[in-house]
All heavy atoms as atom14 arrays in JSON, in Angstrom:
{
  "sequence": "TFTIVTSEMLPVGLLTSIAATLGVSDGTAGLMMSAPGLVAAVSAPVL",
  "atom14_mask": [
    [1, 1, 1, 1, 1, 1, 1, 0, 0, 0, 0, 0, 0, 0],
    [1, 1, 1, 1, 1, 1, 1, 1, 1, 1, 1, 0, 0, 0],
    [1, 1, 1, 1, 1, 1, 1, 0, 0, 0, 0, 0, 0, 0],
    [1, 1, 1, 1, 1, 1, 1, 1, 0, 0, 0, 0, 0, 0],
    [1, 1, 1, 1, 1, 1, 1, 0, 0, 0, 0, 0, 0, 0],
    [1, 1, 1, 1, 1, 1, 1, 0, 0, 0, 0, 0, 0, 0],
    [1, 1, 1, 1, 1, 1, 0, 0, 0, 0, 0, 0, 0, 0],
    [1, 1, 1, 1, 1, 1, 1, 1, 1, 0, 0, 0, 0, 0],
    [1, 1, 1, 1, 1, 1, 1, 1, 0, 0, 0, 0, 0, 0],
    [1, 1, 1, 1, 1, 1, 1, 1, 0, 0, 0, 0, 0, 0],
    [1, 1, 1, 1, 1, 1, 1, 0, 0, 0, 0, 0, 0, 0],
    [1, 1, 1, 1, 1, 1, 1, 0, 0, 0, 0, 0, 0, 0],
    [1, 1, 1, 1, 0, 0, 0, 0, 0, 0, 0, 0, 0, 0],
    [1, 1, 1, 1, 1, 1, 1, 1, 0, 0, 0, 0, 0, 0],
    [1, 1, 1, 1, 1, 1, 1, 1, 0, 0, 0, 0, 0, 0],
    [1, 1, 1, 1, 1, 1, 1, 0, 0, 0, 0, 0, 0, 0],
    [1, 1, 1, 1, 1, 1, 0, 0, 0, 0, 0, 0, 0, 0],
    [1, 1, 1, 1, 1, 1, 1, 1, 0, 0, 0, 0, 0, 0],
    [1, 1, 1, 1, 1, 0, 0, 0, 0, 0, 0, 0, 0, 0],
    [1, 1, 1, 1, 1, 0, 0, 0, 0, 0, 0, 0, 0, 0],
    [1, 1, 1, 1, 1, 1, 1, 0, 0, 0, 0, 0, 0, 0],
    [1, 1, 1, 1, 1, 1, 1, 1, 0, 0, 0, 0, 0, 0],
    [1, 1, 1, 1, 0, 0, 0, 0, 0, 0, 0, 0, 0, 0],
    [1, 1, 1, 1, 1, 1, 1, 0, 0, 0, 0, 0, 0, 0],
    [1, 1, 1, 1, 1, 1, 0, 0, 0, 0, 0, 0, 0, 0],
    [1, 1, 1, 1, 1, 1, 1, 1, 0, 0, 0, 0, 0, 0],
    [1, 1, 1, 1, 0, 0, 0, 0, 0, 0, 0, 0, 0, 0],
    [1, 1, 1, 1, 1, 1, 1, 0, 0, 0, 0, 0, 0, 0],
    [1, 1, 1, 1, 1, 0, 0, 0, 0, 0, 0, 0, 0, 0],
    [1, 1, 1, 1, 0, 0, 0, 0, 0, 0, 0, 0, 0, 0],
    [1, 1, 1, 1, 1, 1, 1, 1, 0, 0, 0, 0, 0, 0],
    [1, 1, 1, 1, 1, 1, 1, 1, 0, 0, 0, 0, 0, 0],
    [1, 1, 1, 1, 1, 1, 1, 1, 0, 0, 0, 0, 0, 0],
    [1, 1, 1, 1, 1, 1, 0, 0, 0, 0, 0, 0, 0, 0],
    [1, 1, 1, 1, 1, 0, 0, 0, 0, 0, 0, 0, 0, 0],
    [1, 1, 1, 1, 1, 1, 1, 0, 0, 0, 0, 0, 0, 0],
    [1, 1, 1, 1, 0, 0, 0, 0, 0, 0, 0, 0, 0, 0],
    [1, 1, 1, 1, 1, 1, 1, 1, 0, 0, 0, 0, 0, 0],
    [1, 1, 1, 1, 1, 1, 1, 0, 0, 0, 0, 0, 0, 0],
    [1, 1, 1, 1, 1, 0, 0, 0, 0, 0, 0, 0, 0, 0],
    [1, 1, 1, 1, 1, 0, 0, 0, 0, 0, 0, 0, 0, 0],
    [1, 1, 1, 1, 1, 1, 1, 0, 0, 0, 0, 0, 0, 0],
    [1, 1, 1, 1, 1, 1, 0, 0, 0, 0, 0, 0, 0, 0],
    [1, 1, 1, 1, 1, 0, 0, 0, 0, 0, 0, 0, 0, 0],
    [1, 1, 1, 1, 1, 1, 1, 0, 0, 0, 0, 0, 0, 0],
    [1, 1, 1, 1, 1, 1, 1, 0, 0, 0, 0, 0, 0, 0],
    [1, 1, 1, 1, 1, 1, 1, 1, 0, 0, 0, 0, 0, 0]
  ],
  "atom14_positions": [
    [[-16.85, 2.11, -1.11], [-15.76, 2.66, -1.97], [-14.86, 3.61, -1.16], [-13.67, 3.62, -1.35], [-16.34, 3.35, -3.18], [-17.16, 4.48, -2.77], [-17.16, 2.42, -4.04], [0.0, 0.0, 0.0], [0.0, 0.0, 0.0], [0.0, 0.0, 0.0], [0.0, 0.0, 0.0], [0.0, 0.0, 0.0], [0.0, 0.0, 0.0], [0.0, 0.0, 0.0]],
    [[-15.44, 4.34, -0.25], [-14.67, 5.22, 0.64], [-13.72, 4.4, 1.5], [-12.51, 4.7, 1.59], [-15.58, 6.01, 1.56], [-14.9, 6.67, 2.67], [-14.3, 7.92, 2.52], [-14.84, 6.09, 3.95], [-13.64, 8.59, 3.57], [-14.18, 6.7, 4.98], [-13.56, 7.92, 4.79], [0.0, 0.0, 0.0], [0.0, 0.0, 0.0], [0.0, 0.0, 0.0]],
    [[-14.19, 3.31, 2.06], [-13.4, 2.45, 2.89], [-12.3, 1.76, 2.11], [-11.15, 1.64, 2.58], [-14.25, 1.4, 3.6], [-15.36, 2.05, 4.3], [-13.46, 0.53, 4.57], [0.0, 0.0, 0.0], [0.0, 0.0, 0.0], [0.0, 0.0, 0.0], [0.0, 0.0, 0.0], [0.0, 0.0, 0.0], [0.0, 0.0, 0.0], [0.0, 0.0, 0.0]],
    [[-12.63, 1.29, 0.92], [-11.64, 0.63, 0.05], [-10.49, 1.56, -0.31], [-9.35, 1.25, -0.2], [-12.37, 0.15, -1.24], [-13.22, -1.13, -0.91], [-11.36, -0.15, -2.31], [-12.42, -2.37, -0.78], [0.0, 0.0, 0.0], [0.0, 0.0, 0.0], [0.0, 0.0, 0.0], [0.0, 0.0, 0.0], [0.0, 0.0, 0.0], [0.0, 0.0, 0.0]],
    [[-10.85, 2.76, -0.78], [-9.81, 3.69, -1.27], [-9.0, 4.23, -0.08], [-7.77, 4.39, -0.18], [-10.45, 4.85, -2.07], [-9.4, 5.89, -2.42], [-11.09, 4.28, -3.31], [0.0, 0.0, 0.0], [0.0, 0.0, 0.0], [0.0, 0.0, 0.0], [0.0, 0.0, 0.0], [0.0, 0.0, 0.0], [0.0, 0.0, 0.0], [0.0, 0.0, 0.0]],
    [[-9.65, 4.5, 1.06], [-8.91, 4.93, 2.2], [-7.91, 3.89, 2.66], [-6.76, 4.16, 3.03], [-9.83, 5.32, 3.38], [-10.74, 6.35, 3.0], [-9.05, 5.82, 4.58], [0.0, 0.0, 0.0], [0.0, 0.0, 0.0], [0.0, 0.0, 0.0], [0.0, 0.0, 0.0], [0.0, 0.0, 0.0], [0.0, 0.0, 0.0], [0.0, 0.0, 0.0]],
    [[-8.34, 2.66, 2.62], [-7.41, 1.52, 2.99], [-6.26, 1.43, 2.03], [-5.14, 1.2, 2.44], [-8.22, 0.17, 2.99], [-9.2, 0.18, 4.01], [0.0, 0.0, 0.0], [0.0, 0.0, 0.0], [0.0, 0.0, 0.0], [0.0, 0.0, 0.0], [0.0, 0.0, 0.0], [0.0, 0.0, 0.0], [0.0, 0.0, 0.0], [0.0, 0.0, 0.0]],
    [[-6.55, 1.63, 0.72], [-5.49, 1.54, -0.28], [-4.44, 2.68, -0.03], [-3.26, 2.41, -0.13], [-6.09, 1.69, -1.68], [-5.01, 1.65, -2.78], [-5.62, 1.81, -4.15], [-6.77, 2.25, -4.27], [-4.92, 1.46, -5.15], [0.0, 0.0, 0.0], [0.0, 0.0, 0.0], [0.0, 0.0, 0.0], [0.0, 0.0, 0.0], [0.0, 0.0, 0.0]],
    [[-4.89, 3.87, 0.28], [-4.02, 4.99, 0.42], [-3.47, 5.18, 1.83], [-2.69, 6.11, 2.1], [-4.76, 6.28, 0.01], [-5.36, 6.26, -1.37], [-4.14, 6.06, -2.68], [-3.26, 7.59, -2.57], [0.0, 0.0, 0.0], [0.0, 0.0, 0.0], [0.0, 0.0, 0.0], [0.0, 0.0, 0.0], [0.0, 0.0, 0.0], [0.0, 0.0, 0.0]],
    [[-3.8, 4.31, 2.75], [-3.47, 4.45, 4.15], [-1.98, 4.68, 4.4], [-1.62, 5.53, 5.22], [-3.97, 3.22, 4.93], [-4.09, 3.29, 6.43], [-4.98, 4.45, 6.85], [-4.59, 1.97, 7.02], [0.0, 0.0, 0.0], [0.0, 0.0, 0.0], [0.0, 0.0, 0.0], [0.0, 0.0, 0.0], [0.0, 0.0, 0.0], [0.0, 0.0, 0.0]],
    [[-1.04, 3.94, 3.73], [0.36, 4.14, 4.03], [0.91, 5.5, 3.59], [2.04, 5.85, 4.01], [1.06, 3.01, 3.21], [-0.04, 2.01, 3.0], [-1.28, 2.79, 2.83], [0.0, 0.0, 0.0], [0.0, 0.0, 0.0], [0.0, 0.0, 0.0], [0.0, 0.0, 0.0], [0.0, 0.0, 0.0], [0.0, 0.0, 0.0], [0.0, 0.0, 0.0]],
    [[0.17, 6.3, 2.78], [0.7, 7.53, 2.32], [1.24, 8.46, 3.41], [2.35, 8.95, 3.37], [-0.31, 8.27, 1.41], [0.11, 9.71, 1.11], [-0.6, 7.54, 0.12], [0.0, 0.0, 0.0], [0.0, 0.0, 0.0], [0.0, 0.0, 0.0], [0.0, 0.0, 0.0], [0.0, 0.0, 0.0], [0.0, 0.0, 0.0], [0.0, 0.0, 0.0]],
    [[0.39, 8.64, 4.45], [0.8, 9.49, 5.52], [1.5, 8.77, 6.64], [1.91, 9.4, 7.65], [0.0, 0.0, 0.0], [0.0, 0.0, 0.0], [0.0, 0.0, 0.0], [0.0, 0.0, 0.0], [0.0, 0.0, 0.0], [0.0, 0.0, 0.0], [0.0, 0.0, 0.0], [0.0, 0.0, 0.0], [0.0, 0.0, 0.0], [0.0, 0.0, 0.0]],
    [[1.68, 7.45, 6.53], [2.23, 6.64, 7.64], [3.52, 5.97, 7.24], [4.12, 5.28, 8.04], [1.2, 5.54, 8.07], [-0.26, 5.96, 8.19], [-1.09, 4.73, 8.58], [-0.4, 7.01, 9.26], [0.0, 0.0, 0.0], [0.0, 0.0, 0.0], [0.0, 0.0, 0.0], [0.0, 0.0, 0.0], [0.0, 0.0, 0.0], [0.0, 0.0, 0.0]],
    [[4.0, 6.18, 6.02], [5.05, 5.37, 5.48], [6.36, 5.46, 6.27], [6.95, 4.41, 6.59], [5.32, 5.85, 4.01], [6.24, 4.89, 3.15], [5.71, 4.81, 1.78], [7.68, 5.4, 3.17], [0.0, 0.0, 0.0], [0.0, 0.0, 0.0], [0.0, 0.0, 0.0], [0.0, 0.0, 0.0], [0.0, 0.0, 0.0], [0.0, 0.0, 0.0]],
    [[6.73, 6.65, 6.69], [8.0, 6.79, 7.43], [7.93, 6.07, 8.77], [8.88, 5.37, 9.17], [8.31, 8.27, 7.68], [8.34, 8.97, 6.4], [9.68, 8.44, 8.37], [0.0, 0.0, 0.0], [0.0, 0.0, 0.0], [0.0, 0.0, 0.0], [0.0, 0.0, 0.0], [0.0, 0.0, 0.0], [0.0, 0.0, 0.0], [0.0, 0.0, 0.0]],
    [[6.81, 6.17, 9.41], [6.63, 5.52, 10.74], [6.63, 4.02, 10.6], [7.26, 3.29, 11.44], [5.37, 6.0, 11.4], [5.33, 7.38, 11.63], [0.0, 0.0, 0.0], [0.0, 0.0, 0.0], [0.0, 0.0, 0.0], [0.0, 0.0, 0.0], [0.0, 0.0, 0.0], [0.0, 0.0, 0.0], [0.0, 0.0, 0.0], [0.0, 0.0, 0.0]],
    [[5.94, 3.51, 9.61], [5.92, 2.05, 9.39], [7.31, 1.54, 9.06], [7.71, 0.51, 9.57], [4.92, 1.7, 8.24], [3.5, 2.11, 8.65], [4.98, 0.23, 7.92], [2.47, 1.95, 7.54], [0.0, 0.0, 0.0], [0.0, 0.0, 0.0], [0.0, 0.0, 0.0], [0.0, 0.0, 0.0], [0.0, 0.0, 0.0], [0.0, 0.0, 0.0]],
    [[8.04, 2.26, 8.18], [9.36, 1.84, 7.79], [10.27, 1.74, 9.02], [11.06, 0.79, 9.16], [9.93, 2.76, 6.76], [0.0, 0.0, 0.0], [0.0, 0.0, 0.0], [0.0, 0.0, 0.0], [0.0, 0.0, 0.0], [0.0, 0.0, 0.0], [0.0, 0.0, 0.0], [0.0, 0.0, 0.0], [0.0, 0.0, 0.0], [0.0, 0.0, 0.0]],
    [[10.18, 2.73, 9.92], [11.04, 2.75, 11.08], [10.72, 1.58, 12.03], [11.59, 0.92, 12.55], [10.9, 4.08, 11.83], [0.0, 0.0, 0.0], [0.0, 0.0, 0.0], [0.0, 0.0, 0.0], [0.0, 0.0, 0.0], [0.0, 0.0, 0.0], [0.0, 0.0, 0.0], [0.0, 0.0, 0.0], [0.0, 0.0, 0.0], [0.0, 0.0, 0.0]],
    [[9.38, 1.35, 12.18], [8.97, 0.24, 13.11], [9.36, -1.11, 12.59], [9.81, -1.98, 13.36], [7.43, 0.3, 13.34], [7.09, 1.61, 13.86], [6.99, -0.76, 14.28], [0.0, 0.0, 0.0], [0.0, 0.0, 0.0], [0.0, 0.0, 0.0], [0.0, 0.0, 0.0], [0.0, 0.0, 0.0], [0.0, 0.0, 0.0], [0.0, 0.0, 0.0]],
    [[9.2, -1.35, 11.29], [9.44, -2.64, 10.73], [10.84, -2.83, 10.19], [11.2, -3.91, 9.66], [8.39, -2.92, 9.61], [6.95, -2.93, 10.03], [6.04, -3.23, 8.87], [6.67, -3.85, 11.21], [0.0, 0.0, 0.0], [0.0, 0.0, 0.0], [0.0, 0.0, 0.0], [0.0, 0.0, 0.0], [0.0, 0.0, 0.0], [0.0, 0.0, 0.0]],
    [[11.65, -1.8, 10.3], [13.1, -1.94, 10.0], [13.41, -2.02, 8.51], [14.24, -2.85, 8.1], [0.0, 0.0, 0.0], [0.0, 0.0, 0.0], [0.0, 0.0, 0.0], [0.0, 0.0, 0.0], [0.0, 0.0, 0.0], [0.0, 0.0, 0.0], [0.0, 0.0, 0.0], [0.0, 0.0, 0.0], [0.0, 0.0, 0.0], [0.0, 0.0, 0.0]],
    [[12.7, -1.25, 7.66], [12.98, -1.25, 6.22], [13.21, 0.2, 5.78], [12.83, 1.13, 6.48], [11.84, -1.89, 5.4], [11.7, -3.39, 5.77], [10.51, -1.18, 5.61], [0.0, 0.0, 0.0], [0.0, 0.0, 0.0], [0.0, 0.0, 0.0], [0.0, 0.0, 0.0], [0.0, 0.0, 0.0], [0.0, 0.0, 0.0], [0.0, 0.0, 0.0]],
    [[13.73, 0.33, 4.59], [13.96, 1.68, 4.06], [12.64, 2.26, 3.58], [11.69, 1.52, 3.36], [14.93, 1.64, 2.9], [14.34, 0.95, 1.77], [0.0, 0.0, 0.0], [0.0, 0.0, 0.0], [0.0, 0.0, 0.0], [0.0, 0.0, 0.0], [0.0, 0.0, 0.0], [0.0, 0.0, 0.0], [0.0, 0.0, 0.0], [0.0, 0.0, 0.0]],
    [[12.6, 3.57, 3.38], [11.38, 4.21, 2.88], [11.04, 3.69, 1.48], [9.87, 3.53, 1.15], [11.57, 5.73, 2.82], [11.56, 6.38, 4.22], [11.21, 5.65, 5.18], [11.95, 7.52, 4.36], [0.0, 0.0, 0.0], [0.0, 0.0, 0.0], [0.0, 0.0, 0.0], [0.0, 0.0, 0.0], [0.0, 0.0, 0.0], [0.0, 0.0, 0.0]],
    [[12.06, 3.48, 0.65], [11.82, 2.98, -0.68], [11.2, 1.57, -0.68], [10.25, 1.32, -1.42], [0.0, 0.0, 0.0], [0.0, 0.0, 0.0], [0.0, 0.0, 0.0], [0.0, 0.0, 0.0], [0.0, 0.0, 0.0], [0.0, 0.0, 0.0], [0.0, 0.0, 0.0], [0.0, 0.0, 0.0], [0.0, 0.0, 0.0], [0.0, 0.0, 0.0]],
    [[11.69, 0.74, 0.21], [11.07, -0.66, 0.36], [9.69, -0.55, 0.92], [8.77, -1.25, 0.45], [11.97, -1.5, 1.24], [13.29, -1.61, 0.7], [11.4, -2.91, 1.41], [0.0, 0.0, 0.0], [0.0, 0.0, 0.0], [0.0, 0.0, 0.0], [0.0, 0.0, 0.0], [0.0, 0.0, 0.0], [0.0, 0.0, 0.0], [0.0, 0.0, 0.0]],
    [[9.51, 0.37, 1.86], [8.16, 0.52, 2.41], [7.14, 0.98, 1.36], [5.95, 0.75, 1.47], [8.2, 1.52, 3.56], [0.0, 0.0, 0.0], [0.0, 0.0, 0.0], [0.0, 0.0, 0.0], [0.0, 0.0, 0.0], [0.0, 0.0, 0.0], [0.0, 0.0, 0.0], [0.0, 0.0, 0.0], [0.0, 0.0, 0.0], [0.0, 0.0, 0.0]],
    [[7.65, 1.65, 0.33], [6.77, 2.13, -0.73], [6.05, 1.01, -1.51], [5.01, 1.26, -2.11], [0.0, 0.0, 0.0], [0.0, 0.0, 0.0], [0.0, 0.0, 0.0], [0.0, 0.0, 0.0], [0.0, 0.0, 0.0], [0.0, 0.0, 0.0], [0.0, 0.0, 0.0], [0.0, 0.0, 0.0], [0.0, 0.0, 0.0], [0.0, 0.0, 0.0]],
    [[6.57, -0.18, -1.38], [5.86, -1.34, -2.01], [4.49, -1.55, -1.37], [3.6, -2.18, -2.01], [6.67, -2.62, -1.77], [7.99, -2.69, -2.62], [8.77, -3.93, -2.2], [7.73, -2.7, -4.12], [0.0, 0.0, 0.0], [0.0, 0.0, 0.0], [0.0, 0.0, 0.0], [0.0, 0.0, 0.0], [0.0, 0.0, 0.0], [0.0, 0.0, 0.0]],
    [[4.23, -1.0, -0.17], [2.89, -1.12, 0.41], [1.86, -0.37, -0.42], [0.65, -0.64, -0.31], [2.88, -0.54, 1.83], [3.7, -1.38, 2.86], [3.51, -0.73, 4.49], [4.28, 0.9, 4.37], [0.0, 0.0, 0.0], [0.0, 0.0, 0.0], [0.0, 0.0, 0.0], [0.0, 0.0, 0.0], [0.0, 0.0, 0.0], [0.0, 0.0, 0.0]],
    [[2.3, 0.59, -1.24], [1.42, 1.31, -2.12], [1.31, 0.67, -3.5], [0.22, 0.54, -4.05], [1.81, 2.77, -2.28], [1.45, 3.65, -1.06], [-0.29, 3.73, -0.81], [-0.87, 4.45, -2.33], [0.0, 0.0, 0.0], [0.0, 0.0, 0.0], [0.0, 0.0, 0.0], [0.0, 0.0, 0.0], [0.0, 0.0, 0.0], [0.0, 0.0, 0.0]],
    [[2.44, 0.31, -4.08], [2.43, -0.23, -5.44], [1.87, -1.65, -5.51], [1.16, -1.98, -6.44], [3.86, -0.21, -6.01], [4.76, -0.91, -5.17], [0.0, 0.0, 0.0], [0.0, 0.0, 0.0], [0.0, 0.0, 0.0], [0.0, 0.0, 0.0], [0.0, 0.0, 0.0], [0.0, 0.0, 0.0], [0.0, 0.0, 0.0], [0.0, 0.0, 0.0]],
    [[2.13, -2.48, -4.49], [1.63, -3.87, -4.52], [0.11, -3.96, -4.62], [-0.43, -4.67, -5.48], [2.2, -4.64, -3.36], [0.0, 0.0, 0.0], [0.0, 0.0, 0.0], [0.0, 0.0, 0.0], [0.0, 0.0, 0.0], [0.0, 0.0, 0.0], [0.0, 0.0, 0.0], [0.0, 0.0, 0.0], [0.0, 0.0, 0.0], [0.0, 0.0, 0.0]],
    [[-0.65, -3.28, -3.75], [-2.1, -3.37, -3.82], [-2.64, -2.92, -5.18], [-3.57, -3.52, -5.71], [-2.59, -2.46, -2.71], [-1.47, -2.38, -1.76], [-0.22, -2.41, -2.59], [0.0, 0.0, 0.0], [0.0, 0.0, 0.0], [0.0, 0.0, 0.0], [0.0, 0.0, 0.0], [0.0, 0.0, 0.0], [0.0, 0.0, 0.0], [0.0, 0.0, 0.0]],
    [[-2.05, -1.87, -5.77], [-2.56, -1.37, -7.06], [-2.38, -2.42, -8.16], [-3.27, -2.63, -8.97], [0.0, 0.0, 0.0], [0.0, 0.0, 0.0], [0.0, 0.0, 0.0], [0.0, 0.0, 0.0], [0.0, 0.0, 0.0], [0.0, 0.0, 0.0], [0.0, 0.0, 0.0], [0.0, 0.0, 0.0], [0.0, 0.0, 0.0], [0.0, 0.0, 0.0]],
    [[-1.2, -3.06, -8.21], [-0.93, -4.04, -9.25], [-1.78, -5.3, -9.0], [-2.31, -5.86, -9.96], [0.52, -4.4, -9.23], [1.49, -3.25, -9.64], [2.95, -3.68, -9.55], [1.23, -2.81, -11.08], [0.0, 0.0, 0.0], [0.0, 0.0, 0.0], [0.0, 0.0, 0.0], [0.0, 0.0, 0.0], [0.0, 0.0, 0.0], [0.0, 0.0, 0.0]],
    [[-1.94, -5.69, -7.75], [-2.82, -6.84, -7.45], [-4.23, -6.55, -7.8], [-4.96, -7.39, -8.39], [-2.68, -7.22, -5.98], [-3.71, -8.3, -5.6], [-1.29, -7.74, -5.65], [0.0, 0.0, 0.0], [0.0, 0.0, 0.0], [0.0, 0.0, 0.0], [0.0, 0.0, 0.0], [0.0, 0.0, 0.0], [0.0, 0.0, 0.0], [0.0, 0.0, 0.0]],
    [[-4.7, -5.34, -7.53], [-6.06, -4.94, -7.86], [-6.31, -4.98, -9.37], [-7.38, -5.39, -9.86], [-6.38, -3.54, -7.35], [0.0, 0.0, 0.0], [0.0, 0.0, 0.0], [0.0, 0.0, 0.0], [0.0, 0.0, 0.0], [0.0, 0.0, 0.0], [0.0, 0.0, 0.0], [0.0, 0.0, 0.0], [0.0, 0.0, 0.0], [0.0, 0.0, 0.0]],
    [[-5.27, -4.62, -10.14], [-5.42, -4.61, -11.63], [-5.63, -6.02, -12.13], [-6.35, -6.21, -13.14], [-4.18, -3.99, -12.24], [0.0, 0.0, 0.0], [0.0, 0.0, 0.0], [0.0, 0.0, 0.0], [0.0, 0.0, 0.0], [0.0, 0.0, 0.0], [0.0, 0.0, 0.0], [0.0, 0.0, 0.0], [0.0, 0.0, 0.0], [0.0, 0.0, 0.0]],
    [[-5.04, -7.0, -11.49], [-5.19, -8.42, -11.88], [-6.44, -9.01, -11.27], [-7.21, -9.73, -11.99], [-3.94, -9.25, -11.51], [-4.15, -10.7, -11.8], [-2.71, -8.7, -12.17], [0.0, 0.0, 0.0], [0.0, 0.0, 0.0], [0.0, 0.0, 0.0], [0.0, 0.0, 0.0], [0.0, 0.0, 0.0], [0.0, 0.0, 0.0], [0.0, 0.0, 0.0]],
    [[-6.72, -8.74, -10.05], [-7.83, -9.41, -9.39], [-9.17, -8.96, -9.92], [-10.16, -9.74, -9.91], [-7.79, -9.12, -7.9], [-8.01, -7.77, -7.58], [0.0, 0.0, 0.0], [0.0, 0.0, 0.0], [0.0, 0.0, 0.0], [0.0, 0.0, 0.0], [0.0, 0.0, 0.0], [0.0, 0.0, 0.0], [0.0, 0.0, 0.0], [0.0, 0.0, 0.0]],
    [[-9.32, -7.7, -10.42], [-10.63, -7.26, -10.92], [-11.15, -8.14, -12.02], [-12.26, -8.67, -11.92], [-10.49, -5.79, -11.33], [0.0, 0.0, 0.0], [0.0, 0.0, 0.0], [0.0, 0.0, 0.0], [0.0, 0.0, 0.0], [0.0, 0.0, 0.0], [0.0, 0.0, 0.0], [0.0, 0.0, 0.0], [0.0, 0.0, 0.0], [0.0, 0.0, 0.0]],
    [[-10.43, -8.34, -13.15], [-10.97, -9.22, -14.19], [-11.03, -10.69, -13.79], [-11.96, -11.39, -14.2], [-10.03, -8.99, -15.4], [-8.79, -8.46, -14.8], [-9.19, -7.68, -13.58], [0.0, 0.0, 0.0], [0.0, 0.0, 0.0], [0.0, 0.0, 0.0], [0.0, 0.0, 0.0], [0.0, 0.0, 0.0], [0.0, 0.0, 0.0], [0.0, 0.0, 0.0]],
    [[-10.05, -11.14, -12.98], [-10.05, -12.57, -12.56], [-11.31, -12.83, -11.71], [-12.02, -13.85, -11.95], [-8.78, -12.89, -11.76], [-8.91, -14.25, -11.09], [-7.59, -12.87, -12.7], [0.0, 0.0, 0.0], [0.0, 0.0, 0.0], [0.0, 0.0, 0.0], [0.0, 0.0, 0.0], [0.0, 0.0, 0.0], [0.0, 0.0, 0.0], [0.0, 0.0, 0.0]],
    [[-11.63, -11.96, -10.78], [-12.82, -12.19, -9.93], [-14.1, -12.02, -10.75], [-15.1, -12.7, -10.52], [-12.84, -11.21, -8.76], [-11.8, -11.49, -7.65], [-11.73, -10.38, -6.64], [-12.16, -12.79, -6.93], [0.0, 0.0, 0.0], [0.0, 0.0, 0.0], [0.0, 0.0, 0.0], [0.0, 0.0, 0.0], [0.0, 0.0, 0.0], [0.0, 0.0, 0.0]]
  ]
}
């Protein structure tokens, strides 16, 4: 559970650097946080 949650929250402290490297805005890079949460909400009951 530690590994899972750390992986989920990983972009929090790295978002600006990732956005600069991959050439996207900070707002677009924020999808790295929202997408896993929404996918997790669906995948839990489906699995």
